[in-house]
Amino acid sequence: MSERLKIFVFVAILGFFAGVIADVTSTYVIPALMSILPAFLNARYILSGFAGACLTLALVSIWAYVTGSSER
């Protein structure tokens, strides 16, 4: 299996898990946060943006950790 195909498969798997996490977040976490947080933070777009930022940071961190440095 070529290296490029391995990267595509890995990114597809990460995307799948990102979709699952996004669905769980929108179903359970965001409604719970909306009931806890004050009204100005209760806007769905703010919570969705925060969840997206956290998810992106997690995925990029995983990708950077798995791929490692090219100077080995």
PDB file of N, CA and C in Angstrom:
ATOM      1  N   MET A   1       0.849  -1.171   0.000  1.00  0.00           N
ATOM      2  CA  MET A   1       0.000   0.000   0.000  1.00  0.00           C
ATOM      3  C   MET A   1       0.898   1.239   0.000  1.00  0.00           C
ATOM      4  N   SER A   2       0.648   2.142  -0.900  1.00  0.00           N
ATOM      5  CA  SER A   2       1.501   3.319  -0.993  1.00  0.00           C
ATOM      6  C   SER A   2       1.272   4.252   0.189  1.00  0.00           C
ATOM      7  N   GLU A   3       2.252   5.096   0.442  1.00  0.00           N
ATOM      8  CA  GLU A   3       2.168   6.033   1.565  1.00  0.00           C
ATOM      9  C   GLU A   3       1.011   7.008   1.388  1.00  0.00           C
ATOM     10  N   ARG A   4       0.769   7.449   0.177  1.00  0.00           N
ATOM     11  CA  ARG A   4      -0.315   8.406  -0.073  1.00  0.00           C
ATOM     12  C   ARG A   4      -1.670   7.781   0.259  1.00  0.00           C
ATOM     13  N   LEU A   5      -1.874   6.545  -0.122  1.00  0.00           N
ATOM     14  CA  LEU A   5      -3.135   5.867   0.171  1.00  0.00           C
ATOM     15  C   LEU A   5      -3.313   5.672   1.676  1.00  0.00           C
ATOM     16  N   LYS A   6      -2.238   5.366   2.379  1.00  0.00           N
ATOM     17  CA  LYS A   6      -2.308   5.233   3.832  1.00  0.00           C
ATOM     18  C   LYS A   6      -2.744   6.550   4.477  1.00  0.00           C
ATOM     19  N   ILE A   7      -2.211   7.653   3.988  1.00  0.00           N
ATOM     20  CA  ILE A   7      -2.576   8.971   4.537  1.00  0.00           C
ATOM     21  C   ILE A   7      -4.047   9.251   4.254  1.00  0.00           C
ATOM     22  N   PHE A   8      -4.523   8.955   3.051  1.00  0.00           N
ATOM     23  CA  PHE A   8      -5.933   9.178   2.726  1.00  0.00           C
ATOM     24  C   PHE A   8      -6.843   8.340   3.620  1.00  0.00           C
ATOM     25  N   VAL A   9      -6.476   7.092   3.850  1.00  0.00           N
ATOM     26  CA  VAL A   9      -7.281   6.230   4.718  1.00  0.00           C
ATOM     27  C   VAL A   9      -7.268   6.766   6.148  1.00  0.00           C
ATOM     28  N   PHE A  10      -6.123   7.190   6.618  1.00  0.00           N
ATOM     29  CA  PHE A  10      -6.011   7.738   7.971  1.00  0.00           C
ATOM     30  C   PHE A  10      -6.859   9.001   8.131  1.00  0.00           C
ATOM     31  N   VAL A  11      -6.817   9.884   7.161  1.00  0.00           N
ATOM     32  CA  VAL A  11      -7.622  11.108   7.210  1.00  0.00           C
ATOM     33  C   VAL A  11      -9.111  10.770   7.150  1.00  0.00           C
ATOM     34  N   ALA A  12      -9.481   9.783   6.355  1.00  0.00           N
ATOM     35  CA  ALA A  12     -10.884   9.372   6.282  1.00  0.00           C
ATOM     36  C   ALA A  12     -11.359   8.822   7.627  1.00  0.00           C
ATOM     37  N   ILE A  13     -10.531   8.042   8.288  1.00  0.00           N
ATOM     38  CA  ILE A  13     -10.890   7.506   9.598  1.00  0.00           C
ATOM     39  C   ILE A  13     -11.017   8.638  10.616  1.00  0.00           C
ATOM     40  N   LEU A  14     -10.088   9.596  10.592  1.00  0.00           N
ATOM     41  CA  LEU A  14     -10.188  10.750  11.484  1.00  0.00           C
ATOM     42  C   LEU A  14     -11.466  11.537  11.209  1.00  0.00           C
ATOM     43  N   GLY A  15     -11.813  11.702   9.955  1.00  0.00           N
ATOM     44  CA  GLY A  15     -13.041  12.408   9.601  1.00  0.00           C
ATOM     45  C   GLY A  15     -14.277  11.684  10.099  1.00  0.00           C
ATOM     46  N   PHE A  16     -14.267  10.376  10.017  1.00  0.00           N
ATOM     47  CA  PHE A  16     -15.389   9.588  10.527  1.00  0.00           C
ATOM     48  C   PHE A  16     -15.569   9.819  12.023  1.00  0.00           C
ATOM     49  N   PHE A  17     -14.463   9.717  12.773  1.00  0.00           N
ATOM     50  CA  PHE A  17     -14.542   9.932  14.208  1.00  0.00           C
ATOM     51  C   PHE A  17     -14.920  11.377  14.541  1.00  0.00           C
ATOM     52  N   ALA A  18     -14.471  12.330  13.743  1.00  0.00           N
ATOM     53  CA  ALA A  18     -14.862  13.729  13.954  1.00  0.00           C
ATOM     54  C   ALA A  18     -16.367  13.890  13.784  1.00  0.00           C
ATOM     55  N   GLY A  19     -16.942  13.210  12.815  1.00  0.00           N
ATOM     56  CA  GLY A  19     -18.381  13.270  12.613  1.00  0.00           C
ATOM     57  C   GLY A  19     -19.147  12.655  13.773  1.00  0.00           C
ATOM     58  N   VAL A  20     -18.662  11.547  14.285  1.00  0.00           N
ATOM     59  CA  VAL A  20     -19.309  10.913  15.438  1.00  0.00           C
ATOM     60  C   VAL A  20     -19.232  11.833  16.652  1.00  0.00           C
ATOM     61  N   ILE A  21     -18.066  12.417  16.887  1.00  0.00           N
ATOM     62  CA  ILE A  21     -17.893  13.321  18.026  1.00  0.00           C
ATOM     63  C   ILE A  21     -18.779  14.553  17.862  1.00  0.00           C
ATOM     64  N   ALA A  22     -18.865  15.091  16.651  1.00  0.00           N
ATOM     65  CA  ALA A  22     -19.713  16.259  16.412  1.00  0.00           C
ATOM     66  C   ALA A  22     -21.182  15.930  16.661  1.00  0.00           C
ATOM     67  N   ASP A  23     -21.618  14.748  16.263  1.00  0.00           N
ATOM     68  CA  ASP A  23     -23.005  14.359  16.488  1.00  0.00           C
ATOM     69  C   ASP A  23     -23.305  14.200  17.972  1.00  0.00           C
ATOM     70  N   VAL A  24     -22.416  13.538  18.688  1.00  0.00           N
ATOM     71  CA  VAL A  24     -22.605  13.361  20.127  1.00  0.00           C
ATOM     72  C   VAL A  24     -22.591  14.721  20.826  1.00  0.00           C
ATOM     73  N   THR A  25     -21.691  15.595  20.394  1.00  0.00           N
ATOM     74  CA  THR A  25     -21.617  16.935  20.989  1.00  0.00           C
ATOM     75  C   THR A  25     -22.906  17.699  20.757  1.00  0.00           C
ATOM     76  N   SER A  26     -23.416  17.669  19.538  1.00  0.00           N
ATOM     77  CA  SER A  26     -24.634  18.434  19.259  1.00  0.00           C
ATOM     78  C   SER A  26     -25.861  17.831  19.927  1.00  0.00           C
ATOM     79  N   THR A  27     -25.847  16.549  20.195  1.00  0.00           N
ATOM     80  CA  THR A  27     -27.000  15.899  20.815  1.00  0.00           C
ATOM     81  C   THR A  27     -27.007  16.035  22.330  1.00  0.00           C
ATOM     82  N   TYR A  28     -25.850  15.870  22.968  1.00  0.00           N
ATOM     83  CA  TYR A  28     -25.807  15.804  24.420  1.00  0.00           C
ATOM     84  C   TYR A  28     -25.081  16.977  25.081  1.00  0.00           C
ATOM     85  N   VAL A  29     -23.899  17.323  24.589  1.00  0.00           N
ATOM     86  CA  VAL A  29     -23.062  18.292  25.288  1.00  0.00           C
ATOM     87  C   VAL A  29     -23.586  19.714  25.138  1.00  0.00           C
ATOM     88  N   ILE A  30     -23.901  20.137  23.925  1.00  0.00           N
ATOM     89  CA  ILE A  30     -24.344  21.513  23.709  1.00  0.00           C
ATOM     90  C   ILE A  30     -25.650  21.813  24.444  1.00  0.00           C
ATOM     91  N   PRO A  31     -26.667  20.941  24.412  1.00  0.00           N
ATOM     92  CA  PRO A  31     -27.859  21.251  25.210  1.00  0.00           C
ATOM     93  C   PRO A  31     -27.573  21.349  26.714  1.00  0.00           C
ATOM     94  N   ALA A  32     -26.673  20.520  27.220  1.00  0.00           N
ATOM     95  CA  ALA A  32     -26.326  20.595  28.642  1.00  0.00           C
ATOM     96  C   ALA A  32     -25.620  21.910  28.952  1.00  0.00           C
ATOM     97  N   LEU A  33     -24.705  22.326  28.079  1.00  0.00           N
ATOM     98  CA  LEU A  33     -24.018  23.594  28.289  1.00  0.00           C
ATOM     99  C   LEU A  33     -24.970  24.778  28.170  1.00  0.00           C
ATOM    100  N   MET A  34     -25.937  24.681  27.265  1.00  0.00           N
ATOM    101  CA  MET A  34     -26.889  25.772  27.095  1.00  0.00           C
ATOM    102  C   MET A  34     -27.751  25.968  28.335  1.00  0.00           C
ATOM    103  N   SER A  35     -28.001  24.914  29.077  1.00  0.00           N
ATOM    104  CA  SER A  35     -28.793  25.050  30.296  1.00  0.00           C
ATOM    105  C   SER A  35     -27.953  25.560  31.465  1.00  0.00           C
ATOM    106  N   ILE A  36     -26.624  25.394  31.406  1.00  0.00           N
ATOM    107  CA  ILE A  36     -25.743  25.786  32.496  1.00  0.00           C
ATOM    108  C   ILE A  36     -25.208  27.205  32.322  1.00  0.00           C
ATOM    109  N   LEU A  37     -24.806  27.558  31.108  1.00  0.00           N
ATOM    110  CA  LEU A  37     -24.131  28.835  30.860  1.00  0.00           C
ATOM    111  C   LEU A  37     -25.100  30.014  30.895  1.00  0.00           C
ATOM    112  N   PRO A  38     -24.574  31.217  31.138  1.00  0.00           N
ATOM    113  CA  PRO A  38     -25.419  32.418  31.095  1.00  0.00           C
ATOM    114  C   PRO A  38     -26.001  32.655  29.699  1.00  0.00           C
ATOM    115  N   ALA A  39     -26.958  33.560  29.642  1.00  0.00           N
ATOM    116  CA  ALA A  39     -27.719  33.770  28.404  1.00  0.00           C
ATOM    117  C   ALA A  39     -26.847  34.247  27.240  1.00  0.00           C
ATOM    118  N   PHE A  40     -25.845  35.105  27.476  1.00  0.00           N
ATOM    119  CA  PHE A  40     -25.042  35.607  26.355  1.00  0.00           C
ATOM    120  C   PHE A  40     -24.144  34.529  25.761  1.00  0.00           C
ATOM    121  N   LEU A  41     -23.814  33.520  26.530  1.00  0.00           N
ATOM    122  CA  LEU A  41     -23.049  32.388  25.998  1.00  0.00           C
ATOM    123  C   LEU A  41     -23.967  31.268  25.542  1.00  0.00           C
ATOM    124  N   ASN A  42     -25.257  31.494  25.649  1.00  0.00           N
ATOM    125  CA  ASN A  42     -26.230  30.466  25.323  1.00  0.00           C
ATOM    126  C   ASN A  42     -26.518  30.376  23.829  1.00  0.00           C
ATOM    127  N   ALA A  43     -25.927  31.255  23.036  1.00  0.00           N
ATOM    128  CA  ALA A  43     -26.140  31.227  21.596  1.00  0.00           C
ATOM    129  C   ALA A  43     -25.517  29.968  21.012  1.00  0.00           C
ATOM    130  N   ARG A  44     -26.275  29.259  20.210  1.00  0.00           N
ATOM    131  CA  ARG A  44     -25.830  27.976  19.668  1.00  0.00           C
ATOM    132  C   ARG A  44     -24.588  28.122  18.788  1.00  0.00           C
ATOM    133  N   TYR A  45     -24.472  29.232  18.046  1.00  0.00           N
ATOM    134  CA  TYR A  45     -23.321  29.396  17.154  1.00  0.00           C
ATOM    135  C   TYR A  45     -22.031  29.566  17.949  1.00  0.00           C
ATOM    136  N   ILE A  46     -22.085  30.177  19.139  1.00  0.00           N
ATOM    137  CA  ILE A  46     -20.884  30.313  19.963  1.00  0.00           C
ATOM    138  C   ILE A  46     -20.451  28.945  20.481  1.00  0.00           C
ATOM    139  N   LEU A  47     -21.401  28.170  20.963  1.00  0.00           N
ATOM    140  CA  LEU A  47     -21.068  26.834  21.459  1.00  0.00           C
ATOM    141  C   LEU A  47     -20.599  25.917  20.335  1.00  0.00           C
ATOM    142  N   SER A  48     -21.220  26.022  19.168  1.00  0.00           N
ATOM    143  CA  SER A  48     -20.797  25.204  18.031  1.00  0.00           C
ATOM    144  C   SER A  48     -19.396  25.596  17.575  1.00  0.00           C
ATOM    145  N   GLY A  49     -19.112  26.880  17.566  1.00  0.00           N
ATOM    146  CA  GLY A  49     -17.771  27.340  17.199  1.00  0.00           C
ATOM    147  C   GLY A  49     -16.716  26.855  18.172  1.00  0.00           C
ATOM    148  N   PHE A  50     -17.043  26.905  19.453  1.00  0.00           N
ATOM    149  CA  PHE A  50     -16.113  26.419  20.465  1.00  0.00           C
ATOM    150  C   PHE A  50     -15.877  24.920  20.312  1.00  0.00           C
ATOM    151  N   ALA A  51     -16.944  24.157  20.076  1.00  0.00           N
ATOM    152  CA  ALA A  51     -16.802  22.710  19.881  1.00  0.00           C
ATOM    153  C   ALA A  51     -15.983  22.412  18.632  1.00  0.00           C
ATOM    154  N   GLY A  52     -16.209  23.163  17.565  1.00  0.00           N
ATOM    155  CA  GLY A  52     -15.432  22.969  16.336  1.00  0.00           C
ATOM    156  C   GLY A  52     -13.964  23.281  16.532  1.00  0.00           C
ATOM    157  N   ALA A  53     -13.665  24.346  17.280  1.00  0.00           N
ATOM    158  CA  ALA A  53     -12.269  24.698  17.545  1.00  0.00           C
ATOM    159  C   ALA A  53     -11.575  23.605  18.357  1.00  0.00           C
ATOM    160  N   CYS A  54     -12.253  23.100  19.374  1.00  0.00           N
ATOM    161  CA  CYS A  54     -11.669  22.022  20.191  1.00  0.00           C
ATOM    162  C   CYS A  54     -11.465  20.756  19.367  1.00  0.00           C
ATOM    163  N   LEU A  55     -12.432  20.427  18.549  1.00  0.00           N
ATOM    164  CA  LEU A  55     -12.328  19.232  17.714  1.00  0.00           C
ATOM    165  C   LEU A  55     -11.188  19.357  16.706  1.00  0.00           C
ATOM    166  N   THR A  56     -11.054  20.525  16.106  1.00  0.00           N
ATOM    167  CA  THR A  56      -9.973  20.743  15.144  1.00  0.00           C
ATOM    168  C   THR A  56      -8.616  20.644  15.822  1.00  0.00           C
ATOM    169  N   LEU A  57      -8.472  21.249  16.990  1.00  0.00           N
ATOM    170  CA  LEU A  57      -7.204  21.150  17.715  1.00  0.00           C
ATOM    171  C   LEU A  57      -6.872  19.705  18.065  1.00  0.00           C
ATOM    172  N   ALA A  58      -7.867  18.958  18.483  1.00  0.00           N
ATOM    173  CA  ALA A  58      -7.634  17.556  18.825  1.00  0.00           C
ATOM    174  C   ALA A  58      -7.202  16.750  17.601  1.00  0.00           C
ATOM    175  N   LEU A  59      -7.891  16.956  16.475  1.00  0.00           N
ATOM    176  CA  LEU A  59      -7.552  16.198  15.265  1.00  0.00           C
ATOM    177  C   LEU A  59      -6.166  16.560  14.736  1.00  0.00           C
ATOM    178  N   VAL A  60      -5.823  17.844  14.742  1.00  0.00           N
ATOM    179  CA  VAL A  60      -4.500  18.252  14.269  1.00  0.00           C
ATOM    180  C   VAL A  60      -3.418  17.738  15.203  1.00  0.00           C
ATOM    181  N   SER A  61      -3.689  17.730  16.499  1.00  0.00           N
ATOM    182  CA  SER A  61      -2.712  17.202  17.448  1.00  0.00           C
ATOM    183  C   SER A  61      -2.487  15.706  17.230  1.00  0.00           C
ATOM    184  N   ILE A  62      -3.562  14.974  17.014  1.00  0.00           N
ATOM    185  CA  ILE A  62      -3.439  13.541  16.737  1.00  0.00           C
ATOM    186  C   ILE A  62      -2.658  13.314  15.460  1.00  0.00           C
ATOM    187  N   TRP A  63      -2.980  14.075  14.429  1.00  0.00           N
ATOM    188  CA  TRP A  63      -2.271  13.936  13.146  1.00  0.00           C
ATOM    189  C   TRP A  63      -0.791  14.249  13.306  1.00  0.00           C
ATOM    190  N   ALA A  64      -0.456  15.318  14.027  1.00  0.00           N
ATOM    191  CA  ALA A  64       0.942  15.689  14.213  1.00  0.00           C
ATOM    192  C   ALA A  64       1.687  14.632  15.037  1.00  0.00           C
ATOM    193  N   TYR A  65       1.022  14.075  16.024  1.00  0.00           N
ATOM    194  CA  TYR A  65       1.652  13.049  16.844  1.00  0.00           C
ATOM    195  C   TYR A  65       1.895  11.765  16.044  1.00  0.00           C
ATOM    196  N   VAL A  66       0.919  11.375  15.238  1.00  0.00           N
ATOM    197  CA  VAL A  66       1.034  10.118  14.492  1.00  0.00           C
ATOM    198  C   VAL A  66       2.069  10.236  13.385  1.00  0.00           C
ATOM    199  N   THR A  67       2.073  11.357  12.667  1.00  0.00           N
ATOM    200  CA  THR A  67       3.007  11.482  11.557  1.00  0.00           C
ATOM    201  C   THR A  67       4.428  11.745  12.035  1.00  0.00           C
ATOM    202  N   GLY A  68       4.602  12.443  13.155  1.00  0.00           N
ATOM    203  CA  GLY A  68       5.928  12.688  13.712  1.00  0.00           C
ATOM    204  C   GLY A  68       6.753  13.637  12.859  1.00  0.00           C
ATOM    205  N   SER A  69       8.005  13.741  13.209  1.00  0.00           N
ATOM    206  CA  SER A  69       8.938  14.644  12.516  1.00  0.00           C
ATOM    207  C   SER A  69       9.556  13.941  11.319  1.00  0.00           C
ATOM    208  N   SER A  70       9.828  14.716  10.288  1.00  0.00           N
ATOM    209  CA  SER A  70      10.464  14.132   9.089  1.00  0.00           C
ATOM    210  C   SER A  70      11.982  14.105   9.222  1.00  0.00           C
ATOM    211  N   GLU A  71      12.528  14.569  10.329  1.00  0.00           N
ATOM    212  CA  GLU A  71      13.976  14.624  10.533  1.00  0.00           C
ATOM    213  C   GLU A  71      14.498  13.434  11.317  1.00  0.00           C
ATOM    214  N   ARG A  72      13.862  12.307  11.245  1.00  0.00           N
ATOM    215  CA  ARG A  72      14.298  11.121  11.997  1.00  0.00           C
ATOM    216  C   ARG A  72      15.358  10.369  11.282  1.00  0.00           C
TER     217      ARG A  72
END
